[in-house]
Amino acid sequence: MNVPISIPERPVRERKPDWIRVKAPTGAGFNETRKLMRDLNLNTVCEEAACPNIGECWTKKHATVMILGDVCTRACAFCNVKTGMPRAVDPLEPEHVAIAAAKMGLEHIVITSVDRDDLPDGGASQFVKVIEALRRNTPNTTIEILTPDFRNKAQAAVEAIVTARPDVYNHNLETVPRLYPTIRPGARYYASLRLLETVKRHDPSIFTKSGVMLGLGEERMEVHQVMDDMRSADIDFLTMGQYLQPTPKHTKVMDFVTPAAFDAYAAIARAKGFLLVAASPLTRSSYHAGDDFAKMRDARALQLAKAR
C-alpha cells in the first residue's frame, strides 16, 4: 500500500507593497563608489545593513561609512550587521575616510559604526579621529555622526565627540520602549534619550537627530510618546521609516505602514516642534542627509530670526 508523503510547504514571506519596491543597483556611479570603498578598505552601512536605497545613493556617489569594522558586539533583532568578536581597530581608517570624502567630493558625510562594547571607550576616540581627519582634509565638508549608545561609557564618550564638534549628532532610538527587550535587547531606551540630551547640554549648537522604525508592532500612541520624549530631550530632527526584514532569521514585519500614515505621523511630529521631520517608507537615517542638513540649518536660522 502506497502512503502519500506529506511535504511541508515553505513559509511564504509577505510580499512587499509597491510603495517600497526599489530598482536593483546598477550604473557607473554605483560601481565607482563600490570600488572606492574596496580600495580604501572601508565598510558602509549601505551594504552591511542591506539598505534599500543603496542603488540611488551610490549612483549619486553618496555613501555612509561604517567605522570600527564590520562586526558588531550586539545582536539586535532587526539588524543585518554581523555579530561576533570584532578585529582590532584600523589606525588608517580616519585618513581613509577623509580620502574617500575628498575623492567623492562630498559636501556632507555621514559616519556611523558598529557597537564596540569590547573597547574601553566604546570606539569614541575613533569617531574623534575621523572628525579631525575630515576637518584637516576636507574642511568644507559638513559632518554627521550616527553613534551607538556607548553602553556604560556614554558620558565620557559623548564629551570627547562633542569637543570634536560634528555638525550633526545622530543616535537612533529605533523603536518604542515596550519593544526594546525583543528588538534592541542590549540597549536601554532612556539611556539613549539621555545620551542625546547630554549632547545638547554640552553644545546646543550641534544639531541632534534620532530615528525610529515602524512596522514592528508599535501602537500609534506609543509613537506619539516617543516624539514627546525626543522633544523633551531637545532633539532637532526626527526620521521615521518602514522596518524591512533583512533575512528570515530576523524579527518579522508586523505591518507595512502606508505612505498616508507616514504623512500623518510627520504632521504630528512637526506640530510637536521638531526643526525637521523625514517620514516615509524608504526613509533611513542617512537618506538625503546632505539636503536635510541644509533644510535643518535654514529652519534654525528662521527660528532664531523670529525669536529676535
C-alpha atoms as a PDB file:
ATOM      1  CA  MET A   1       0.000   0.000   0.000  1.00  0.00           C
ATOM      2  CA  ASN A   2       1.413   3.386  -1.000  1.00  0.00           C
ATOM      3  CA  VAL A   3       1.179   6.004   1.731  1.00  0.00           C
ATOM      4  CA  PRO A   4       1.191   9.567   0.393  1.00  0.00           C
ATOM      5  CA  ILE A   5       4.100  11.595   1.654  1.00  0.00           C
ATOM      6  CA  SER A   6       3.218  14.965   3.039  1.00  0.00           C
ATOM      7  CA  ILE A   7       5.732  17.661   2.103  1.00  0.00           C
ATOM      8  CA  PRO A   8       5.513  20.707   4.349  1.00  0.00           C
ATOM      9  CA  GLU A   9       5.052  23.940   2.491  1.00  0.00           C
ATOM     10  CA  ARG A  10       7.756  26.579   2.673  1.00  0.00           C
ATOM     11  CA  PRO A  11       6.778  29.594   4.738  1.00  0.00           C
ATOM     12  CA  VAL A  12       5.813  32.389   2.390  1.00  0.00           C
ATOM     13  CA  ARG A  13       7.389  35.741   3.171  1.00  0.00           C
ATOM     14  CA  GLU A  14       4.907  38.571   2.975  1.00  0.00           C
ATOM     15  CA  ARG A  15       5.104  40.399  -0.334  1.00  0.00           C
ATOM     16  CA  LYS A  16       6.343  43.955  -0.109  1.00  0.00           C
ATOM     17  CA  PRO A  17       3.832  46.570  -1.213  1.00  0.00           C
ATOM     18  CA  ASP A  18       4.554  48.535  -4.366  1.00  0.00           C
ATOM     19  CA  TRP A  19       5.490  51.692  -2.479  1.00  0.00           C
ATOM     20  CA  ILE A  20       8.664  50.167  -1.023  1.00  0.00           C
ATOM     21  CA  ARG A  21       9.996  48.345  -4.040  1.00  0.00           C
ATOM     22  CA  VAL A  22      13.226  49.746  -5.422  1.00  0.00           C
ATOM     23  CA  LYS A  23      15.330  49.089  -8.501  1.00  0.00           C
ATOM     24  CA  ALA A  24      18.400  46.875  -8.311  1.00  0.00           C
ATOM     25  CA  PRO A  25      21.636  48.886  -8.061  1.00  0.00           C
ATOM     26  CA  THR A  26      23.426  49.381 -11.387  1.00  0.00           C
ATOM     27  CA  GLY A  27      25.368  52.012 -13.301  1.00  0.00           C
ATOM     28  CA  ALA A  28      28.809  53.561 -13.473  1.00  0.00           C
ATOM     29  CA  GLY A  29      28.370  55.760 -10.393  1.00  0.00           C
ATOM     30  CA  PHE A  30      27.347  52.778  -8.280  1.00  0.00           C
ATOM     31  CA  ASN A  31      30.342  50.727  -9.412  1.00  0.00           C
ATOM     32  CA  GLU A  32      32.761  53.617  -8.865  1.00  0.00           C
ATOM     33  CA  THR A  33      31.524  54.100  -5.293  1.00  0.00           C
ATOM     34  CA  ARG A  34      31.850  50.388  -4.551  1.00  0.00           C
ATOM     35  CA  LYS A  35      35.386  50.279  -5.988  1.00  0.00           C
ATOM     36  CA  LEU A  36      36.476  53.302  -3.936  1.00  0.00           C
ATOM     37  CA  MET A  37      35.199  51.719  -0.716  1.00  0.00           C
ATOM     38  CA  ARG A  38      37.020  48.480  -1.541  1.00  0.00           C
ATOM     39  CA  ASP A  39      40.267  50.239  -2.467  1.00  0.00           C
ATOM     40  CA  LEU A  40      40.314  52.135   0.839  1.00  0.00           C
ATOM     41  CA  ASN A  41      39.253  49.107   2.888  1.00  0.00           C
ATOM     42  CA  LEU A  42      36.168  50.934   4.152  1.00  0.00           C
ATOM     43  CA  ASN A  43      32.863  49.420   5.218  1.00  0.00           C
ATOM     44  CA  THR A  44      29.494  51.037   4.587  1.00  0.00           C
ATOM     45  CA  VAL A  45      26.230  50.635   6.442  1.00  0.00           C
ATOM     46  CA  CYS A  46      24.623  50.793   2.990  1.00  0.00           C
ATOM     47  CA  GLU A  47      25.904  47.277   2.275  1.00  0.00           C
ATOM     48  CA  GLU A  48      26.160  45.794   5.752  1.00  0.00           C
ATOM     49  CA  ALA A  49      22.628  46.757   6.771  1.00  0.00           C
ATOM     50  CA  ALA A  50      21.158  45.931   3.328  1.00  0.00           C
ATOM     51  CA  CYS A  51      19.746  49.433   2.831  1.00  0.00           C
ATOM     52  CA  PRO A  52      17.058  49.568   0.136  1.00  0.00           C
ATOM     53  CA  ASN A  53      18.343  52.954  -1.071  1.00  0.00           C
ATOM     54  CA  ILE A  54      21.878  51.803  -1.909  1.00  0.00           C
ATOM     55  CA  GLY A  55      21.310  51.973  -5.672  1.00  0.00           C
ATOM     56  CA  GLU A  56      20.101  55.568  -5.621  1.00  0.00           C
ATOM     57  CA  CYS A  57      22.700  56.823  -3.132  1.00  0.00           C
ATOM     58  CA  TRP A  58      25.761  55.088  -4.574  1.00  0.00           C
ATOM     59  CA  THR A  59      24.832  56.155  -8.099  1.00  0.00           C
ATOM     60  CA  LYS A  60      24.995  59.740  -6.803  1.00  0.00           C
ATOM     61  CA  LYS A  61      28.302  58.885  -5.046  1.00  0.00           C
ATOM     62  CA  HIS A  62      26.826  59.190  -1.566  1.00  0.00           C
ATOM     63  CA  ALA A  63      27.763  56.550   0.989  1.00  0.00           C
ATOM     64  CA  THR A  64      27.500  56.196   4.765  1.00  0.00           C
ATOM     65  CA  VAL A  65      30.845  54.979   6.059  1.00  0.00           C
ATOM     66  CA  MET A  66      30.752  52.448   8.900  1.00  0.00           C
ATOM     67  CA  ILE A  67      33.896  52.687  11.019  1.00  0.00           C
ATOM     68  CA  LEU A  68      35.358  50.306  13.624  1.00  0.00           C
ATOM     69  CA  GLY A  69      34.999  47.248  11.406  1.00  0.00           C
ATOM     70  CA  ASP A  70      32.036  45.251  10.136  1.00  0.00           C
ATOM     71  CA  VAL A  71      31.419  43.003  13.162  1.00  0.00           C
ATOM     72  CA  CYS A  72      29.134  44.193  15.972  1.00  0.00           C
ATOM     73  CA  THR A  73      29.227  43.092  19.611  1.00  0.00           C
ATOM     74  CA  ARG A  74      25.409  43.312  19.835  1.00  0.00           C
ATOM     75  CA  ALA A  75      22.735  41.164  18.211  1.00  0.00           C
ATOM     76  CA  CYS A  76      19.718  43.383  17.636  1.00  0.00           C
ATOM     77  CA  ALA A  77      16.746  41.517  16.172  1.00  0.00           C
ATOM     78  CA  PHE A  78      16.294  43.965  13.281  1.00  0.00           C
ATOM     79  CA  CYS A  79      19.890  44.468  12.145  1.00  0.00           C
ATOM     80  CA  ASN A  80      21.732  42.697   9.328  1.00  0.00           C
ATOM     81  CA  VAL A  81      25.259  43.570  10.524  1.00  0.00           C
ATOM     82  CA  LYS A  82      27.365  40.575  11.560  1.00  0.00           C
ATOM     83  CA  THR A  83      27.666  39.756  15.277  1.00  0.00           C
ATOM     84  CA  GLY A  84      30.784  38.392  16.938  1.00  0.00           C
ATOM     85  CA  MET A  85      34.206  39.394  18.209  1.00  0.00           C
ATOM     86  CA  PRO A  86      35.490  42.327  16.134  1.00  0.00           C
ATOM     87  CA  ARG A  87      39.022  42.729  14.832  1.00  0.00           C
ATOM     88  CA  ALA A  88      41.481  45.356  16.043  1.00  0.00           C
ATOM     89  CA  VAL A  89      40.695  48.976  15.182  1.00  0.00           C
ATOM     90  CA  ASP A  90      42.314  50.082  11.899  1.00  0.00           C
ATOM     91  CA  PRO A  91      44.622  53.063  12.618  1.00  0.00           C
ATOM     92  CA  LEU A  92      44.498  54.104   8.943  1.00  0.00           C
ATOM     93  CA  GLU A  93      40.712  54.275   8.882  1.00  0.00           C
ATOM     94  CA  PRO A  94      40.352  58.019   9.742  1.00  0.00           C
ATOM     95  CA  GLU A  95      42.632  59.098   6.893  1.00  0.00           C
ATOM     96  CA  HIS A  96      40.951  56.662   4.500  1.00  0.00           C
ATOM     97  CA  VAL A  97      37.541  58.147   5.350  1.00  0.00           C
ATOM     98  CA  ALA A  98      38.898  61.626   4.613  1.00  0.00           C
ATOM     99  CA  ILE A  99      40.396  60.449   1.301  1.00  0.00           C
ATOM    100  CA  ALA A 100      37.045  58.923   0.319  1.00  0.00           C
ATOM    101  CA  ALA A 101      35.206  62.157   1.167  1.00  0.00           C
ATOM    102  CA  ALA A 102      37.662  64.163  -0.943  1.00  0.00           C
ATOM    103  CA  LYS A 103      37.513  61.805  -3.938  1.00  0.00           C
ATOM    104  CA  MET A 104      33.723  61.713  -3.864  1.00  0.00           C
ATOM    105  CA  GLY A 105      33.542  65.484  -3.493  1.00  0.00           C
ATOM    106  CA  LEU A 106      31.170  65.205  -0.539  1.00  0.00           C
ATOM    107  CA  GLU A 107      29.603  68.370   0.814  1.00  0.00           C
ATOM    108  CA  HIS A 108      28.110  66.333   3.679  1.00  0.00           C
ATOM    109  CA  ILE A 109      29.260  62.982   5.055  1.00  0.00           C
ATOM    110  CA  VAL A 110      27.606  60.545   7.462  1.00  0.00           C
ATOM    111  CA  ILE A 111      29.811  58.378   9.687  1.00  0.00           C
ATOM    112  CA  THR A 112      28.364  55.513  11.695  1.00  0.00           C
ATOM    113  CA  SER A 113      29.789  52.435  13.402  1.00  0.00           C
ATOM    114  CA  VAL A 114      29.105  49.020  14.786  1.00  0.00           C
ATOM    115  CA  ASP A 115      28.745  48.669  18.562  1.00  0.00           C
ATOM    116  CA  ARG A 116      32.149  48.052  20.130  1.00  0.00           C
ATOM    117  CA  ASP A 117      31.410  47.048  23.726  1.00  0.00           C
ATOM    118  CA  ASP A 118      34.849  45.412  23.751  1.00  0.00           C
ATOM    119  CA  LEU A 119      36.680  48.758  23.627  1.00  0.00           C
ATOM    120  CA  PRO A 120      37.329  50.799  26.799  1.00  0.00           C
ATOM    121  CA  ASP A 121      35.727  53.903  25.261  1.00  0.00           C
ATOM    122  CA  GLY A 122      33.234  52.085  23.046  1.00  0.00           C
ATOM    123  CA  GLY A 123      35.053  53.421  19.989  1.00  0.00           C
ATOM    124  CA  ALA A 124      34.516  57.124  20.757  1.00  0.00           C
ATOM    125  CA  SER A 125      38.173  58.001  20.118  1.00  0.00           C
ATOM    126  CA  GLN A 126      37.909  56.632  16.563  1.00  0.00           C
ATOM    127  CA  PHE A 127      34.947  58.920  15.887  1.00  0.00           C
ATOM    128  CA  VAL A 128      37.068  61.831  17.144  1.00  0.00           C
ATOM    129  CA  LYS A 129      39.985  60.854  14.879  1.00  0.00           C
ATOM    130  CA  VAL A 130      37.691  60.574  11.860  1.00  0.00           C
ATOM    131  CA  ILE A 131      36.173  64.010  12.534  1.00  0.00           C
ATOM    132  CA  GLU A 132      39.666  65.510  12.920  1.00  0.00           C
ATOM    133  CA  ALA A 133      40.890  63.872   9.697  1.00  0.00           C
ATOM    134  CA  LEU A 134      37.899  65.219   7.791  1.00  0.00           C
ATOM    135  CA  ARG A 135      38.416  68.728   9.174  1.00  0.00           C
ATOM    136  CA  ARG A 136      42.067  68.635   8.028  1.00  0.00           C
ATOM    137  CA  ASN A 137      41.481  67.192   4.565  1.00  0.00           C
ATOM    138  CA  THR A 138      38.000  68.394   3.560  1.00  0.00           C
ATOM    139  CA  PRO A 139      37.312  71.433   5.766  1.00  0.00           C
ATOM    140  CA  ASN A 140      34.200  72.418   3.827  1.00  0.00           C
ATOM    141  CA  THR A 141      32.507  69.034   4.303  1.00  0.00           C
ATOM    142  CA  THR A 142      29.834  69.089   6.992  1.00  0.00           C
ATOM    143  CA  ILE A 143      29.982  66.054   9.277  1.00  0.00           C
ATOM    144  CA  GLU A 144      27.125  63.959  10.622  1.00  0.00           C
ATOM    145  CA  ILE A 145      27.814  61.104  13.001  1.00  0.00           C
ATOM    146  CA  LEU A 146      25.476  58.258  13.903  1.00  0.00           C
ATOM    147  CA  THR A 147      26.845  56.651  17.057  1.00  0.00           C
ATOM    148  CA  PRO A 148      25.980  53.632  19.173  1.00  0.00           C
ATOM    149  CA  ASP A 149      24.859  54.183  22.772  1.00  0.00           C
ATOM    150  CA  PHE A 150      28.349  53.636  24.298  1.00  0.00           C
ATOM    151  CA  ARG A 151      26.806  51.465  26.981  1.00  0.00           C
ATOM    152  CA  ASN A 152      28.198  52.287  30.465  1.00  0.00           C
ATOM    153  CA  LYS A 153      30.660  54.751  28.848  1.00  0.00           C
ATOM    154  CA  ALA A 154      28.310  57.348  27.401  1.00  0.00           C
ATOM    155  CA  GLN A 155      29.257  60.385  29.479  1.00  0.00           C
ATOM    156  CA  ALA A 156      32.980  60.404  28.634  1.00  0.00           C
ATOM    157  CA  ALA A 157      32.356  59.208  25.072  1.00  0.00           C
ATOM    158  CA  VAL A 158      29.843  61.964  24.310  1.00  0.00           C
ATOM    159  CA  GLU A 159      32.041  64.644  25.881  1.00  0.00           C
ATOM    160  CA  ALA A 160      35.003  63.617  23.708  1.00  0.00           C
ATOM    161  CA  ILE A 161      32.975  63.551  20.494  1.00  0.00           C
ATOM    162  CA  VAL A 162      31.141  66.813  21.191  1.00  0.00           C
ATOM    163  CA  THR A 163      34.506  68.513  21.793  1.00  0.00           C
ATOM    164  CA  ALA A 164      35.481  67.452  18.232  1.00  0.00           C
ATOM    165  CA  ARG A 165      32.329  69.309  17.063  1.00  0.00           C
ATOM    166  CA  PRO A 166      30.480  67.307  14.428  1.00  0.00           C
ATOM    167  CA  ASP A 167      27.728  69.312  12.756  1.00  0.00           C
ATOM    168  CA  VAL A 168      25.045  66.701  13.478  1.00  0.00           C
ATOM    169  CA  TYR A 169      24.965  64.108  16.258  1.00  0.00           C
ATOM    170  CA  ASN A 170      22.570  61.254  15.474  1.00  0.00           C
ATOM    171  CA  HIS A 171      21.680  58.326  17.682  1.00  0.00           C
ATOM    172  CA  ASN A 172      18.626  56.248  16.844  1.00  0.00           C
ATOM    173  CA  LEU A 173      16.068  55.173  19.430  1.00  0.00           C
ATOM    174  CA  GLU A 174      14.878  52.643  16.799  1.00  0.00           C
ATOM    175  CA  THR A 175      11.554  51.686  18.409  1.00  0.00           C
ATOM    176  CA  VAL A 176       9.160  52.264  21.310  1.00  0.00           C
ATOM    177  CA  PRO A 177      10.249  51.363  24.880  1.00  0.00           C
ATOM    178  CA  ARG A 178       7.882  48.367  25.143  1.00  0.00           C
ATOM    179  CA  LEU A 179       9.648  46.577  22.278  1.00  0.00           C
ATOM    180  CA  TYR A 180      13.232  47.088  23.488  1.00  0.00           C
ATOM    181  CA  PRO A 181      13.559  43.685  25.253  1.00  0.00           C
ATOM    182  CA  THR A 182      12.913  41.834  21.972  1.00  0.00           C
ATOM    183  CA  ILE A 183      14.073  44.304  19.312  1.00  0.00           C
ATOM    184  CA  ARG A 184      17.032  46.054  20.947  1.00  0.00           C
ATOM    185  CA  PRO A 185      17.880  43.887  23.985  1.00  0.00           C
ATOM    186  CA  GLY A 186      21.417  45.230  24.510  1.00  0.00           C
ATOM    187  CA  ALA A 187      20.252  48.832  24.817  1.00  0.00           C
ATOM    188  CA  ARG A 188      18.123  50.913  27.171  1.00  0.00           C
ATOM    189  CA  TYR A 189      15.587  53.418  25.862  1.00  0.00           C
ATOM    190  CA  TYR A 190      16.129  56.095  28.498  1.00  0.00           C
ATOM    191  CA  ALA A 191      19.912  55.755  28.305  1.00  0.00           C
ATOM    192  CA  SER A 192      19.683  56.586  24.592  1.00  0.00           C
ATOM    193  CA  LEU A 193      17.491  59.595  25.345  1.00  0.00           C
ATOM    194  CA  ARG A 194      19.963  60.807  27.980  1.00  0.00           C
ATOM    195  CA  LEU A 195      22.834  60.476  25.501  1.00  0.00           C
ATOM    196  CA  LEU A 196      21.153  62.888  23.077  1.00  0.00           C
ATOM    197  CA  GLU A 197      20.183  65.189  25.932  1.00  0.00           C
ATOM    198  CA  THR A 198      23.832  65.249  27.015  1.00  0.00           C
ATOM    199  CA  VAL A 199      24.953  66.340  23.541  1.00  0.00           C
ATOM    200  CA  LYS A 200      22.637  69.363  23.692  1.00  0.00           C
ATOM    201  CA  ARG A 201      23.672  70.216  27.233  1.00  0.00           C
ATOM    202  CA  HIS A 202      27.358  70.291  26.268  1.00  0.00           C
ATOM    203  CA  ASP A 203      26.911  72.147  22.966  1.00  0.00           C
ATOM    204  CA  PRO A 204      23.453  73.459  21.987  1.00  0.00           C
ATOM    205  CA  SER A 205      24.764  74.488  18.551  1.00  0.00           C
ATOM    206  CA  ILE A 206      25.199  70.856  17.440  1.00  0.00           C
ATOM    207  CA  PHE A 207      22.097  69.541  15.702  1.00  0.00           C
ATOM    208  CA  THR A 208      20.723  66.349  17.266  1.00  0.00           C
ATOM    209  CA  LYS A 209      18.857  63.706  15.337  1.00  0.00           C
ATOM    210  CA  SER A 210      17.159  60.386  16.057  1.00  0.00           C
ATOM    211  CA  GLY A 211      15.067  57.855  14.191  1.00  0.00           C
ATOM    212  CA  VAL A 212      12.519  55.105  14.654  1.00  0.00           C
ATOM    213  CA  MET A 213      11.388  52.188  12.531  1.00  0.00           C
ATOM    214  CA  LEU A 214       7.689  51.498  12.073  1.00  0.00           C
ATOM    215  CA  GLY A 215       6.062  48.153  11.387  1.00  0.00           C
ATOM    216  CA  LEU A 216       7.479  46.286  14.392  1.00  0.00           C
ATOM    217  CA  GLY A 217       4.182  46.101  16.282  1.00  0.00           C
ATOM    218  CA  GLU A 218       4.227  49.546  17.894  1.00  0.00           C
ATOM    219  CA  GLU A 219       0.975  51.324  18.728  1.00  0.00           C
ATOM    220  CA  ARG A 220       0.182  54.792  17.417  1.00  0.00           C
ATOM    221  CA  MET A 221       0.089  56.407  20.869  1.00  0.00           C
ATOM    222  CA  GLU A 222       3.427  54.812  21.721  1.00  0.00           C
ATOM    223  CA  VAL A 223       4.958  56.522  18.701  1.00  0.00           C
ATOM    224  CA  HIS A 224       3.451  59.831  19.817  1.00  0.00           C
ATOM    225  CA  GLN A 225       5.012  59.338  23.255  1.00  0.00           C
ATOM    226  CA  VAL A 226       8.430  58.717  21.682  1.00  0.00           C
ATOM    227  CA  MET A 227       8.034  62.018  19.839  1.00  0.00           C
ATOM    228  CA  ASP A 228       7.264  63.770  23.130  1.00  0.00           C
ATOM    229  CA  ASP A 229      10.281  62.132  24.793  1.00  0.00           C
ATOM    230  CA  MET A 230      12.511  63.277  21.938  1.00  0.00           C
ATOM    231  CA  ARG A 231      11.275  66.840  22.188  1.00  0.00           C
ATOM    232  CA  SER A 232      11.867  66.771  25.951  1.00  0.00           C
ATOM    233  CA  ALA A 233      15.482  65.898  25.093  1.00  0.00           C
ATOM    234  CA  ASP A 234      15.531  68.836  22.621  1.00  0.00           C
ATOM    235  CA  ILE A 235      16.137  66.617  19.579  1.00  0.00           C
ATOM    236  CA  ASP A 236      16.036  68.669  16.379  1.00  0.00           C
ATOM    237  CA  PHE A 237      15.436  66.112  13.631  1.00  0.00           C
ATOM    238  CA  LEU A 238      13.217  63.027  13.594  1.00  0.00           C
ATOM    239  CA  THR A 239      13.429  60.331  10.908  1.00  0.00           C
ATOM    240  CA  MET A 240      10.795  57.606  10.526  1.00  0.00           C
ATOM    241  CA  GLY A 241      10.971  54.691   8.105  1.00  0.00           C
ATOM    242  CA  GLN A 242       9.499  51.264   7.427  1.00  0.00           C
ATOM    243  CA  TYR A 243      11.238  48.290   9.035  1.00  0.00           C
ATOM    244  CA  LEU A 244      12.133  45.657   6.439  1.00  0.00           C
ATOM    245  CA  GLN A 245      13.122  42.141   7.469  1.00  0.00           C
ATOM    246  CA  PRO A 246      16.680  41.563   6.182  1.00  0.00           C
ATOM    247  CA  THR A 247      16.553  37.740   6.398  1.00  0.00           C
ATOM    248  CA  PRO A 248      14.081  35.107   7.643  1.00  0.00           C
ATOM    249  CA  LYS A 249      16.037  34.824  10.931  1.00  0.00           C
ATOM    250  CA  HIS A 250      15.374  38.470  11.818  1.00  0.00           C
ATOM    251  CA  THR A 251      12.250  39.768  13.504  1.00  0.00           C
ATOM    252  CA  LYS A 252       9.198  39.756  11.239  1.00  0.00           C
ATOM    253  CA  VAL A 253       7.444  42.762   9.783  1.00  0.00           C
ATOM    254  CA  MET A 254       4.221  43.132  11.716  1.00  0.00           C
ATOM    255  CA  ASP A 255       2.759  45.804   9.465  1.00  0.00           C
ATOM    256  CA  PHE A 256       3.563  47.683   6.273  1.00  0.00           C
ATOM    257  CA  VAL A 257       2.752  51.273   7.171  1.00  0.00           C
ATOM    258  CA  THR A 258       1.166  53.211   4.310  1.00  0.00           C
ATOM    259  CA  PRO A 259       2.617  56.442   2.898  1.00  0.00           C
ATOM    260  CA  ALA A 260      -0.529  58.237   4.122  1.00  0.00           C
ATOM    261  CA  ALA A 261       0.094  57.025   7.678  1.00  0.00           C
ATOM    262  CA  PHE A 262       3.701  58.247   7.475  1.00  0.00           C
ATOM    263  CA  ASP A 263       2.414  61.637   6.330  1.00  0.00           C
ATOM    264  CA  ALA A 264       0.066  61.765   9.326  1.00  0.00           C
ATOM    265  CA  TYR A 265       2.902  60.938  11.737  1.00  0.00           C
ATOM    266  CA  ALA A 266       5.061  63.620  10.104  1.00  0.00           C
ATOM    267  CA  ALA A 267       2.340  66.254  10.553  1.00  0.00           C
ATOM    268  CA  ILE A 268       2.028  65.401  14.244  1.00  0.00           C
ATOM    269  CA  ALA A 269       5.808  65.499  14.697  1.00  0.00           C
ATOM    270  CA  ARG A 270       6.058  68.931  13.079  1.00  0.00           C
ATOM    271  CA  ALA A 271       3.308  70.201  15.358  1.00  0.00           C
ATOM    272  CA  LYS A 272       5.345  68.991  18.336  1.00  0.00           C
ATOM    273  CA  GLY A 273       8.188  71.314  17.366  1.00  0.00           C
ATOM    274  CA  PHE A 274      10.907  69.363  15.562  1.00  0.00           C
ATOM    275  CA  LEU A 275      13.055  71.540  13.313  1.00  0.00           C
ATOM    276  CA  LEU A 276      12.837  68.876  10.615  1.00  0.00           C
ATOM    277  CA  VAL A 277      10.937  65.640  10.062  1.00  0.00           C
ATOM    278  CA  ALA A 278      11.591  62.999   7.392  1.00  0.00           C
ATOM    279  CA  ALA A 279       8.949  60.277   7.345  1.00  0.00           C
ATOM    280  CA  SER A 280       8.267  57.827   4.536  1.00  0.00           C
ATOM    281  CA  PRO A 281       8.510  54.071   3.979  1.00  0.00           C
ATOM    282  CA  LEU A 282      12.011  54.356   2.483  1.00  0.00           C
ATOM    283  CA  THR A 283      13.368  56.979   4.889  1.00  0.00           C
ATOM    284  CA  ARG A 284      16.593  55.914   6.595  1.00  0.00           C
ATOM    285  CA  SER A 285      18.897  57.808   8.967  1.00  0.00           C
ATOM    286  CA  SER A 286      21.303  58.973   6.294  1.00  0.00           C
ATOM    287  CA  TYR A 287      18.969  59.054   3.287  1.00  0.00           C
ATOM    288  CA  HIS A 288      19.226  62.523   1.666  1.00  0.00           C
ATOM    289  CA  ALA A 289      21.209  63.597   4.737  1.00  0.00           C
ATOM    290  CA  GLY A 290      23.021  66.415   2.959  1.00  0.00           C
ATOM    291  CA  ASP A 291      19.838  68.010   1.631  1.00  0.00           C
ATOM    292  CA  ASP A 292      18.177  67.558   5.008  1.00  0.00           C
ATOM    293  CA  PHE A 293      21.108  69.209   6.795  1.00  0.00           C
ATOM    294  CA  ALA A 294      20.710  72.301   4.627  1.00  0.00           C
ATOM    295  CA  LYS A 295      16.968  72.388   5.381  1.00  0.00           C
ATOM    296  CA  MET A 296      17.607  71.995   9.119  1.00  0.00           C
ATOM    297  CA  ARG A 297      20.180  74.785   9.135  1.00  0.00           C
ATOM    298  CA  ASP A 298      17.734  77.073   7.322  1.00  0.00           C
ATOM    299  CA  ALA A 299      14.946  76.139   9.753  1.00  0.00           C
ATOM    300  CA  ARG A 300      17.123  77.053  12.732  1.00  0.00           C
ATOM    301  CA  ALA A 301      18.104  80.382  11.146  1.00  0.00           C
ATOM    302  CA  LEU A 302      14.419  81.191  10.604  1.00  0.00           C
ATOM    303  CA  GLN A 303      13.585  80.152  14.177  1.00  0.00           C
ATOM    304  CA  LEU A 304      16.322  82.396  15.591  1.00  0.00           C
ATOM    305  CA  ALA A 305      15.228  85.304  13.398  1.00  0.00           C
ATOM    306  CA  LYS A 306      11.658  85.020  14.685  1.00  0.00           C
ATOM    307  CA  ALA A 307      12.894  84.949  18.294  1.00  0.00           C
ATOM    308  CA  ARG A 308      14.661  88.334  17.954  1.00  0.00           C
END
